[in-house]
C-alpha atoms as a PDB file:
ATOM      1  CA  MET A   1      -0.055  -0.014   0.113  1.00  0.00           C
ATOM      2  CA  ASP A   2       1.383   3.415  -0.879  1.00  0.00           C
ATOM      3  CA  ARG A   3       1.316   6.082   1.961  1.00  0.00           C
ATOM      4  CA  SER A   4       1.296   9.746   0.900  1.00  0.00           C
ATOM      5  CA  PRO A   5       4.187  11.879   2.532  1.00  0.00           C
ATOM      6  CA  THR A   6       1.707  14.223   4.029  1.00  0.00           C
ATOM      7  CA  GLY A   7       0.028  11.539   6.306  1.00  0.00           C
ATOM      8  CA  ASN A   8      -3.734  12.727   5.470  1.00  0.00           C
ATOM      9  CA  ASN A   9      -4.723  10.883   2.464  1.00  0.00           C
ATOM     10  CA  GLY A  10      -2.884  13.245  -0.340  1.00  0.00           C
ATOM     11  CA  PHE A  11      -3.946  16.547   1.473  1.00  0.00           C
ATOM     12  CA  GLY A  12      -1.329  18.510   2.884  1.00  0.00           C
ATOM     13  CA  PRO A  13      -1.179  21.755   4.563  1.00  0.00           C
ATOM     14  CA  ASN A  14      -1.635  24.078   1.403  1.00  0.00           C
ATOM     15  CA  ASN A  15      -5.030  22.110   0.902  1.00  0.00           C
ATOM     16  CA  GLU A  16      -6.151  22.391   4.400  1.00  0.00           C
ATOM     17  CA  THR A  17      -5.620  26.358   4.093  1.00  0.00           C
ATOM     18  CA  LEU A  18      -6.999  26.215   0.413  1.00  0.00           C
ATOM     19  CA  PHE A  19     -10.184  24.447   2.119  1.00  0.00           C
ATOM     20  CA  LEU A  20     -10.499  26.813   4.982  1.00  0.00           C
ATOM     21  CA  LEU A  21     -10.152  29.990   2.900  1.00  0.00           C
ATOM     22  CA  GLY A  22     -12.529  28.811   0.693  1.00  0.00           C
ATOM     23  CA  GLY A  23     -14.948  27.941   3.432  1.00  0.00           C
ATOM     24  CA  ALA A  24     -14.597  31.188   5.034  1.00  0.00           C
ATOM     25  CA  ALA A  25     -15.373  33.010   1.543  1.00  0.00           C
ATOM     26  CA  LEU A  26     -18.582  30.985   0.885  1.00  0.00           C
ATOM     27  CA  VAL A  27     -19.743  32.011   4.367  1.00  0.00           C
ATOM     28  CA  LEU A  28     -19.045  35.574   3.926  1.00  0.00           C
ATOM     29  CA  LEU A  29     -20.748  35.407   0.104  1.00  0.00           C
ATOM     30  CA  GLY A  30     -24.010  33.582   1.994  1.00  0.00           C
ATOM     31  CA  VAL A  31     -23.767  36.588   4.569  1.00  0.00           C
ATOM     32  CA  GLY A  32     -23.493  39.231   2.091  1.00  0.00           C
ATOM     33  CA  LEU A  33     -26.263  37.602  -0.180  1.00  0.00           C
ATOM     34  CA  VAL A  34     -28.605  37.589   3.148  1.00  0.00           C
ATOM     35  CA  LEU A  35     -27.704  40.915   3.993  1.00  0.00           C
ATOM     36  CA  SER A  36     -28.329  42.409   0.929  1.00  0.00           C
ATOM     37  CA  THR A  37     -32.347  41.563   1.026  1.00  0.00           C
ATOM     38  CA  ASP A  38     -34.724  44.553   1.762  1.00  0.00           C
ATOM     39  CA  THR A  39     -36.179  42.656   4.649  1.00  0.00           C
ATOM     40  CA  ALA A  40     -32.895  42.197   6.197  1.00  0.00           C
ATOM     41  CA  LYS A  41     -31.948  45.576   6.073  1.00  0.00           C
ATOM     42  CA  LYS A  42     -35.418  46.476   7.636  1.00  0.00           C
ATOM     43  CA  TYR A  43     -34.724  44.424  10.356  1.00  0.00           C
ATOM     44  CA  ILE A  44     -30.716  45.353  11.097  1.00  0.00           C
ATOM     45  CA  GLY A  45     -32.151  49.036  10.713  1.00  0.00           C
ATOM     46  CA  ALA A  46     -34.971  48.510  13.441  1.00  0.00           C
ATOM     47  CA  PHE A  47     -32.188  46.887  15.633  1.00  0.00           C
ATOM     48  CA  GLY A  48     -29.540  49.136  15.100  1.00  0.00           C
ATOM     49  CA  VAL A  49     -25.860  47.691  15.306  1.00  0.00           C
ATOM     50  CA  GLY A  50     -24.885  49.962  18.213  1.00  0.00           C
ATOM     51  CA  ASP A  51     -27.836  48.183  20.499  1.00  0.00           C
ATOM     52  CA  LEU A  52     -26.325  44.896  19.910  1.00  0.00           C
ATOM     53  CA  VAL A  53     -22.854  45.505  20.730  1.00  0.00           C
ATOM     54  CA  SER A  54     -23.871  47.703  23.772  1.00  0.00           C
ATOM     55  CA  ALA A  55     -25.921  44.803  24.978  1.00  0.00           C
ATOM     56  CA  ALA A  56     -23.157  42.325  24.261  1.00  0.00           C
ATOM     57  CA  VAL A  57     -20.445  43.741  26.089  1.00  0.00           C
ATOM     58  CA  PRO A  58     -21.275  43.058  29.772  1.00  0.00           C
ATOM     59  CA  ASP A  59     -21.738  39.698  29.010  1.00  0.00           C
ATOM     60  CA  VAL A  60     -18.345  39.220  27.364  1.00  0.00           C
ATOM     61  CA  ASP A  61     -16.855  41.407  30.152  1.00  0.00           C
ATOM     62  CA  ARG A  62     -18.962  39.095  32.502  1.00  0.00           C
ATOM     63  CA  TYR A  63     -17.137  35.858  30.818  1.00  0.00           C
ATOM     64  CA  LEU A  64     -13.671  37.325  30.795  1.00  0.00           C
ATOM     65  CA  LYS A  65     -14.049  37.502  34.645  1.00  0.00           C
ATOM     66  CA  LEU A  66     -15.061  34.098  34.869  1.00  0.00           C
ATOM     67  CA  ARG A  67     -12.774  32.806  33.028  1.00  0.00           C
ATOM     68  CA  SER A  68      -9.299  34.234  34.561  1.00  0.00           C
ATOM     69  CA  MET A  69     -10.666  33.510  38.191  1.00  0.00           C
END
């Protein structure tokens, strides 16, 4: 049986990086397509991004304090 030198069925680090970046690009493309619809724009405008960030900051701060214990 012939074994590949990379040890993972012929997929080396270059291919794994390519798959990772390709997957990230597809996720960004999908998010962009979803957010470009009129319905999504209406909901984002009603929510306000600043409200979401200000609501998340106390939770993140509490998480970091718990993690440092």
